Amino acid sequence: MTKLKIIRFAKQEDAKGIAEVYKDWLEFKGILPDKLIEQESTESILNSINNPTKIYIVAEADTEEILGVCYMDLSFISLKTIRLGDMMIKSKFRRMGIGSAIINKVIEYAKNNNVIKIWLWTQEELKNAIIFYKKKGFILEGKQKNQFCNKDALLFGLIISS
């Protein structure tokens, strides 16, 4: 049985595994606009890994398989804010604490870098994601009209205590 080994920052050689995890966005076909679930190529993910304003966090199994991923957008870190983006856990590994472990790593990074707020967007249709983020302490801060592909986005935030 595959077990979680480590939550860590992604390396270039993780790009293919991250692309594999992101294939699970296809389960939302017909729920989310196609543009939001388009598959990213390994090359595109590699370019993102090399982008200094993005840090990918991966959940790696004892088999070295990537089980889950998200990235932190550091574009506003000088304002003590980071955005959590594109969190996905492979469907067969959900509800095993992997998402929580990834969020905990993001919070640890935030605390170590004097970040006071983590924020994210999600879609109303992603009910399980909303429940998860609320359990992790994120608070619904608003709704942004026509944010993506003529769809509204829900804005969640988490204030980091020192």
Protein backbone atom coordinates (compact mmCIF):
# COMPACT_ATOMS: atom_id res chain seq x y z
CA MET A 1 0.00 0.00 0.00
CA THR A 2 1.31 3.43 -0.98
CA LYS A 3 2.06 5.71 1.98
CA LEU A 4 2.89 9.39 2.25
CA LYS A 5 6.63 9.85 2.78
CA ILE A 6 7.22 13.60 2.72
CA ILE A 7 5.76 17.01 1.93
CA ARG A 8 8.44 19.06 0.21
CA PHE A 9 9.19 21.80 -2.28
CA ALA A 10 9.15 20.57 -5.87
CA LYS A 11 12.25 20.06 -7.95
CA GLN A 12 12.55 20.22 -11.73
CA GLU A 13 12.40 16.43 -11.98
CA ASP A 14 8.91 16.52 -10.39
CA ALA A 15 7.31 18.24 -13.40
CA LYS A 16 6.09 14.98 -14.99
CA GLY A 17 4.61 13.75 -11.69
CA ILE A 18 2.88 17.09 -11.12
CA ALA A 19 1.38 16.90 -14.63
CA GLU A 20 0.07 13.42 -13.73
CA VAL A 21 -1.64 14.76 -10.59
CA TYR A 22 -3.18 17.63 -12.55
CA LYS A 23 -4.82 15.13 -14.93
CA ASP A 24 -7.36 14.65 -12.13
CA TRP A 25 -8.81 18.07 -13.01
CA LEU A 26 -10.59 16.15 -15.82
CA GLU A 27 -13.01 14.73 -13.23
CA PHE A 28 -14.57 18.20 -13.17
CA LYS A 29 -15.34 18.19 -16.92
CA GLY A 30 -18.91 19.39 -17.35
CA ILE A 31 -18.77 21.03 -13.90
CA LEU A 32 -16.07 23.63 -14.53
CA PRO A 33 -15.39 25.41 -17.83
CA ASP A 34 -13.04 23.45 -20.10
CA LYS A 35 -10.51 26.29 -20.00
CA LEU A 36 -10.12 25.81 -16.23
CA ILE A 37 -9.39 22.09 -16.54
CA GLU A 38 -7.08 22.18 -19.56
CA GLN A 39 -4.16 19.86 -19.08
CA GLU A 40 -0.81 21.48 -18.47
CA SER A 41 2.17 19.99 -20.24
CA THR A 42 5.24 18.82 -18.37
CA GLU A 43 7.15 21.62 -20.11
CA SER A 44 4.67 24.25 -18.91
CA ILE A 45 4.93 22.97 -15.34
CA LEU A 46 8.72 22.93 -15.60
CA ASN A 47 8.61 26.58 -16.66
CA SER A 48 6.41 27.33 -13.64
CA ILE A 49 8.79 25.48 -11.30
CA ASN A 50 11.58 27.69 -12.63
CA ASN A 51 9.51 30.85 -12.08
CA PRO A 52 10.88 32.65 -8.98
CA THR A 53 7.40 33.86 -7.99
CA LYS A 54 6.00 30.30 -7.72
CA ILE A 55 6.94 27.55 -5.33
CA TYR A 56 5.32 24.17 -5.87
CA ILE A 57 4.75 21.90 -2.90
CA VAL A 58 4.39 18.18 -3.50
CA ALA A 59 3.27 15.23 -1.43
CA GLU A 60 5.58 12.34 -2.25
CA ALA A 61 4.80 8.69 -1.52
CA ASP A 62 7.21 6.06 -0.28
CA THR A 63 7.16 4.85 -3.91
CA GLU A 64 8.34 8.33 -5.03
CA GLU A 65 4.98 8.91 -6.78
CA ILE A 66 3.63 12.45 -6.47
CA LEU A 67 0.24 12.15 -4.71
CA GLY A 68 -0.71 15.81 -4.42
CA VAL A 69 0.45 19.29 -5.30
CA CYS A 70 -0.23 23.00 -5.03
CA TYR A 71 1.78 26.11 -5.62
CA MET A 72 2.36 29.27 -3.68
CA ASP A 73 2.21 32.48 -5.71
CA LEU A 74 4.77 34.82 -4.14
CA SER A 75 3.93 37.85 -6.31
CA PHE A 76 2.73 39.78 -3.26
CA ILE A 77 5.09 38.42 -0.61
CA SER A 78 6.52 41.93 -0.09
CA LEU A 79 3.01 42.79 1.12
CA LYS A 80 3.14 39.78 3.49
CA THR A 81 0.58 37.88 1.43
CA ILE A 82 0.77 34.69 -0.63
CA ARG A 83 -1.79 32.98 -2.82
CA LEU A 84 -2.38 29.25 -2.78
CA GLY A 85 -3.02 27.93 -6.29
CA ASP A 86 -4.15 24.78 -8.08
CA MET A 87 -4.27 22.38 -5.16
CA MET A 88 -5.00 18.84 -6.30
CA ILE A 89 -4.71 15.46 -4.62
CA LYS A 90 -4.97 12.33 -6.77
CA SER A 91 -8.51 11.06 -6.31
CA LYS A 92 -7.56 7.67 -4.82
CA PHE A 93 -5.45 9.39 -2.14
CA ARG A 94 -8.01 11.94 -0.93
CA ARG A 95 -9.28 11.98 2.65
CA MET A 96 -5.96 10.59 3.90
CA GLY A 97 -4.56 13.82 5.36
CA ILE A 98 -2.41 14.72 2.35
CA GLY A 99 -4.20 18.00 1.65
CA SER A 100 -3.90 18.99 5.30
CA ALA A 101 -0.19 18.17 5.28
CA ILE A 102 0.31 20.35 2.19
CA ILE A 103 -1.61 23.25 3.78
CA ASN A 104 0.48 22.84 6.94
CA LYS A 105 3.64 23.18 4.82
CA VAL A 106 2.25 26.37 3.26
CA ILE A 107 1.48 27.75 6.74
CA GLU A 108 4.98 26.81 7.93
CA TYR A 109 6.48 28.65 4.94
CA ALA A 110 4.27 31.66 5.66
CA LYS A 111 5.33 31.82 9.30
CA ASN A 112 9.01 31.46 8.40
CA ASN A 113 8.72 34.32 5.89
CA ASN A 114 6.65 36.77 7.97
CA VAL A 115 3.58 36.29 5.78
CA ILE A 116 0.38 37.31 7.55
CA LYS A 117 -2.19 36.07 5.04
CA ILE A 118 -2.71 33.15 2.66
CA TRP A 119 -5.55 33.52 0.17
CA LEU A 120 -7.05 31.48 -2.65
CA TRP A 121 -9.80 31.35 -5.21
CA THR A 122 -12.08 28.40 -5.73
CA GLN A 123 -15.30 27.67 -7.58
CA GLU A 124 -18.73 27.28 -5.95
CA GLU A 125 -19.09 23.87 -7.59
CA LEU A 126 -16.09 22.48 -5.73
CA LYS A 127 -18.05 21.73 -2.56
CA ASN A 128 -15.51 19.32 -1.06
CA ALA A 129 -12.71 21.85 -1.56
CA ILE A 130 -14.78 24.53 0.19
CA ILE A 131 -15.48 22.22 3.14
CA PHE A 132 -11.77 21.35 3.33
CA TYR A 133 -10.57 24.96 3.27
CA LYS A 134 -13.07 25.93 5.95
CA LYS A 135 -11.86 23.05 8.16
CA LYS A 136 -8.32 24.37 7.74
CA GLY A 137 -9.43 27.78 9.02
CA PHE A 138 -9.92 29.66 5.75
CA ILE A 139 -12.78 32.16 5.82
CA LEU A 140 -14.97 33.10 2.85
CA GLU A 141 -14.12 36.74 2.19
CA GLY A 142 -16.16 37.38 -0.90
CA LYS A 143 -17.26 36.49 -4.37
CA GLN A 144 -15.58 37.87 -7.46
CA LYS A 145 -17.98 38.19 -10.36
CA ASN A 146 -16.91 36.80 -13.74
CA GLN A 147 -13.40 36.08 -12.47
CA PHE A 148 -12.62 33.09 -14.71
CA CYS A 149 -14.25 32.12 -18.00
CA ASN A 150 -17.40 34.10 -17.15
CA LYS A 151 -17.63 32.25 -13.81
CA ASP A 152 -17.68 33.71 -10.35
CA ALA A 153 -14.88 32.79 -7.96
CA LEU A 154 -15.05 32.50 -4.19
CA LEU A 155 -12.24 34.23 -2.34
CA PHE A 156 -10.99 32.60 0.88
CA GLY A 157 -8.36 33.89 3.27
CA LEU A 158 -6.43 32.63 6.27
CA ILE A 159 -4.75 35.03 8.69
CA ILE A 160 -1.52 33.55 10.03
CA SER A 161 -0.86 33.99 13.71
CA SER A 162 2.76 34.09 14.81
